[in-house]
Amino acid sequence: MAVSPDGRTIAGGDMNGVVKLWDALSHQETFSFTPSASSVTALVYARDGARLYAGFGNGWLGTYDLRAGKLVRSEEHTSELQS
């Protein structure tokens, strides 16, 4: 789980590779994506809150532009990523 720098959004991931974002005040889900079938092992917001970095058990790392709502970069690593 990760909290955005402004405290307004919470990101969480599950064992099925689903990453979800919630509004911290209303508790409503605002965005969901499933980039990998492997478990989410790390989530980190950029300092400005515009991007979210998601690491997975299969070594995949995705960078998401949260303003555009899309994946902007992905990398494969040889080992599990953990925060």
C-alpha atoms as a PDB file:
ATOM      1  CA  MET A   1       0.000   0.000   0.000  1.00  0.00           C
ATOM      2  CA  ALA A   2       1.120   3.565  -0.709  1.00  0.00           C
ATOM      3  CA  VAL A   3      -0.319   6.987   0.055  1.00  0.00           C
ATOM      4  CA  SER A   4       0.045   9.840  -2.432  1.00  0.00           C
ATOM      5  CA  PRO A   5       2.218  12.786  -1.343  1.00  0.00           C
ATOM      6  CA  ASP A   6      -0.859  15.008  -0.916  1.00  0.00           C
ATOM      7  CA  GLY A   7      -2.620  12.318   1.159  1.00  0.00           C
ATOM      8  CA  ARG A   8      -5.672  12.257  -1.110  1.00  0.00           C
ATOM      9  CA  THR A   9      -5.170   8.892  -2.810  1.00  0.00           C
ATOM     10  CA  ILE A  10      -4.311   5.422  -1.531  1.00  0.00           C
ATOM     11  CA  ALA A  11      -2.877   2.740  -3.815  1.00  0.00           C
ATOM     12  CA  GLY A  12      -3.075  -0.956  -3.025  1.00  0.00           C
ATOM     13  CA  GLY A  13      -2.287  -4.180  -4.814  1.00  0.00           C
ATOM     14  CA  ASP A  14      -3.246  -7.820  -4.489  1.00  0.00           C
ATOM     15  CA  MET A  15      -1.987 -11.342  -5.143  1.00  0.00           C
ATOM     16  CA  ASN A  16      -3.609 -11.385  -8.615  1.00  0.00           C
ATOM     17  CA  GLY A  17      -1.682  -8.378  -9.957  1.00  0.00           C
ATOM     18  CA  VAL A  18      -4.525  -5.879  -9.546  1.00  0.00           C
ATOM     19  CA  VAL A  19      -3.576  -2.336  -8.540  1.00  0.00           C
ATOM     20  CA  LYS A  20      -6.386  -0.108  -7.256  1.00  0.00           C
ATOM     21  CA  LEU A  21      -6.525   3.549  -6.274  1.00  0.00           C
ATOM     22  CA  TRP A  22      -8.991   4.939  -3.732  1.00  0.00           C
ATOM     23  CA  ASP A  23      -9.984   8.438  -2.740  1.00  0.00           C
ATOM     24  CA  ALA A  24      -8.786   8.732   0.877  1.00  0.00           C
ATOM     25  CA  LEU A  25     -11.756  10.843   1.981  1.00  0.00           C
ATOM     26  CA  SER A  26     -14.687   9.145   0.250  1.00  0.00           C
ATOM     27  CA  HIS A  27     -13.152   5.630   0.215  1.00  0.00           C
ATOM     28  CA  GLN A  28     -14.386   5.271  -3.382  1.00  0.00           C
ATOM     29  CA  GLU A  29     -12.282   3.370  -5.900  1.00  0.00           C
ATOM     30  CA  THR A  30     -11.072   5.804  -8.555  1.00  0.00           C
ATOM     31  CA  PHE A  31      -8.904   3.631 -10.827  1.00  0.00           C
ATOM     32  CA  SER A  32      -7.955  -0.007 -11.302  1.00  0.00           C
ATOM     33  CA  PHE A  33      -5.524  -1.791 -13.611  1.00  0.00           C
ATOM     34  CA  THR A  34      -4.072  -5.287 -13.949  1.00  0.00           C
ATOM     35  CA  PRO A  35      -0.713  -5.115 -15.708  1.00  0.00           C
ATOM     36  CA  SER A  36       0.602  -8.481 -14.499  1.00  0.00           C
ATOM     37  CA  ALA A  37      -0.809 -11.795 -13.297  1.00  0.00           C
ATOM     38  CA  SER A  38       1.859 -11.852 -10.568  1.00  0.00           C
ATOM     39  CA  SER A  39       1.334 -10.484  -7.054  1.00  0.00           C
ATOM     40  CA  VAL A  40       1.906  -6.782  -6.395  1.00  0.00           C
ATOM     41  CA  THR A  41       4.950  -6.532  -4.121  1.00  0.00           C
ATOM     42  CA  ALA A  42       5.795  -2.805  -4.188  1.00  0.00           C
ATOM     43  CA  LEU A  43       3.966   0.485  -4.770  1.00  0.00           C
ATOM     44  CA  VAL A  44       5.615   3.910  -4.642  1.00  0.00           C
ATOM     45  CA  TYR A  45       4.341   7.346  -5.676  1.00  0.00           C
ATOM     46  CA  ALA A  46       6.604   9.891  -7.360  1.00  0.00           C
ATOM     47  CA  ARG A  47       7.266  12.934  -5.163  1.00  0.00           C
ATOM     48  CA  ASP A  48       4.847  15.063  -7.192  1.00  0.00           C
ATOM     49  CA  GLY A  49       2.157  12.333  -7.094  1.00  0.00           C
ATOM     50  CA  ALA A  50       1.842  12.274 -10.888  1.00  0.00           C
ATOM     51  CA  ARG A  51       3.266   8.769 -11.314  1.00  0.00           C
ATOM     52  CA  LEU A  52       2.931   5.456  -9.530  1.00  0.00           C
ATOM     53  CA  TYR A  53       5.601   2.766  -9.687  1.00  0.00           C
ATOM     54  CA  ALA A  54       4.329  -0.795  -9.268  1.00  0.00           C
ATOM     55  CA  GLY A  55       6.581  -3.811  -8.707  1.00  0.00           C
ATOM     56  CA  PHE A  56       5.476  -7.429  -9.070  1.00  0.00           C
ATOM     57  CA  GLY A  57       6.605 -10.840  -7.874  1.00  0.00           C
ATOM     58  CA  ASN A  58       7.697 -11.870 -11.360  1.00  0.00           C
ATOM     59  CA  GLY A  59      10.213  -8.982 -11.540  1.00  0.00           C
ATOM     60  CA  TRP A  60       8.064  -6.706 -13.707  1.00  0.00           C
ATOM     61  CA  LEU A  61       8.086  -2.960 -12.946  1.00  0.00           C
ATOM     62  CA  GLY A  62       5.500  -0.576 -14.360  1.00  0.00           C
ATOM     63  CA  THR A  63       5.445   3.222 -14.302  1.00  0.00           C
ATOM     64  CA  TYR A  64       1.985   4.768 -14.574  1.00  0.00           C
ATOM     65  CA  ASP A  65       1.164   8.345 -15.464  1.00  0.00           C
ATOM     66  CA  LEU A  66      -1.812   8.886 -13.169  1.00  0.00           C
ATOM     67  CA  ARG A  67      -2.920  12.097 -14.877  1.00  0.00           C
ATOM     68  CA  ALA A  68      -3.077  10.410 -18.285  1.00  0.00           C
ATOM     69  CA  GLY A  69      -4.259   7.093 -16.829  1.00  0.00           C
ATOM     70  CA  LYS A  70      -1.786   4.954 -18.739  1.00  0.00           C
ATOM     71  CA  LEU A  71       1.382   2.906 -18.536  1.00  0.00           C
ATOM     72  CA  VAL A  72       4.368   4.973 -19.676  1.00  0.00           C
ATOM     73  CA  ARG A  73       7.235   2.569 -18.995  1.00  0.00           C
ATOM     74  CA  SER A  74       7.821  -1.069 -18.144  1.00  0.00           C
ATOM     75  CA  GLU A  75      10.888  -3.088 -17.241  1.00  0.00           C
ATOM     76  CA  GLU A  76      11.619  -6.763 -16.628  1.00  0.00           C
ATOM     77  CA  HIS A  77      13.951  -7.738 -13.794  1.00  0.00           C
ATOM     78  CA  THR A  78      15.324 -11.166 -13.005  1.00  0.00           C
ATOM     79  CA  SER A  79      14.106 -11.232  -9.408  1.00  0.00           C
ATOM     80  CA  GLU A  80      11.068 -10.253  -7.359  1.00  0.00           C
ATOM     81  CA  LEU A  81      10.683  -6.537  -6.635  1.00  0.00           C
ATOM     82  CA  GLN A  82       9.952  -5.552  -3.056  1.00  0.00           C
ATOM     83  CA  SER A  83       9.534  -2.270  -1.226  1.00  0.00           C
END
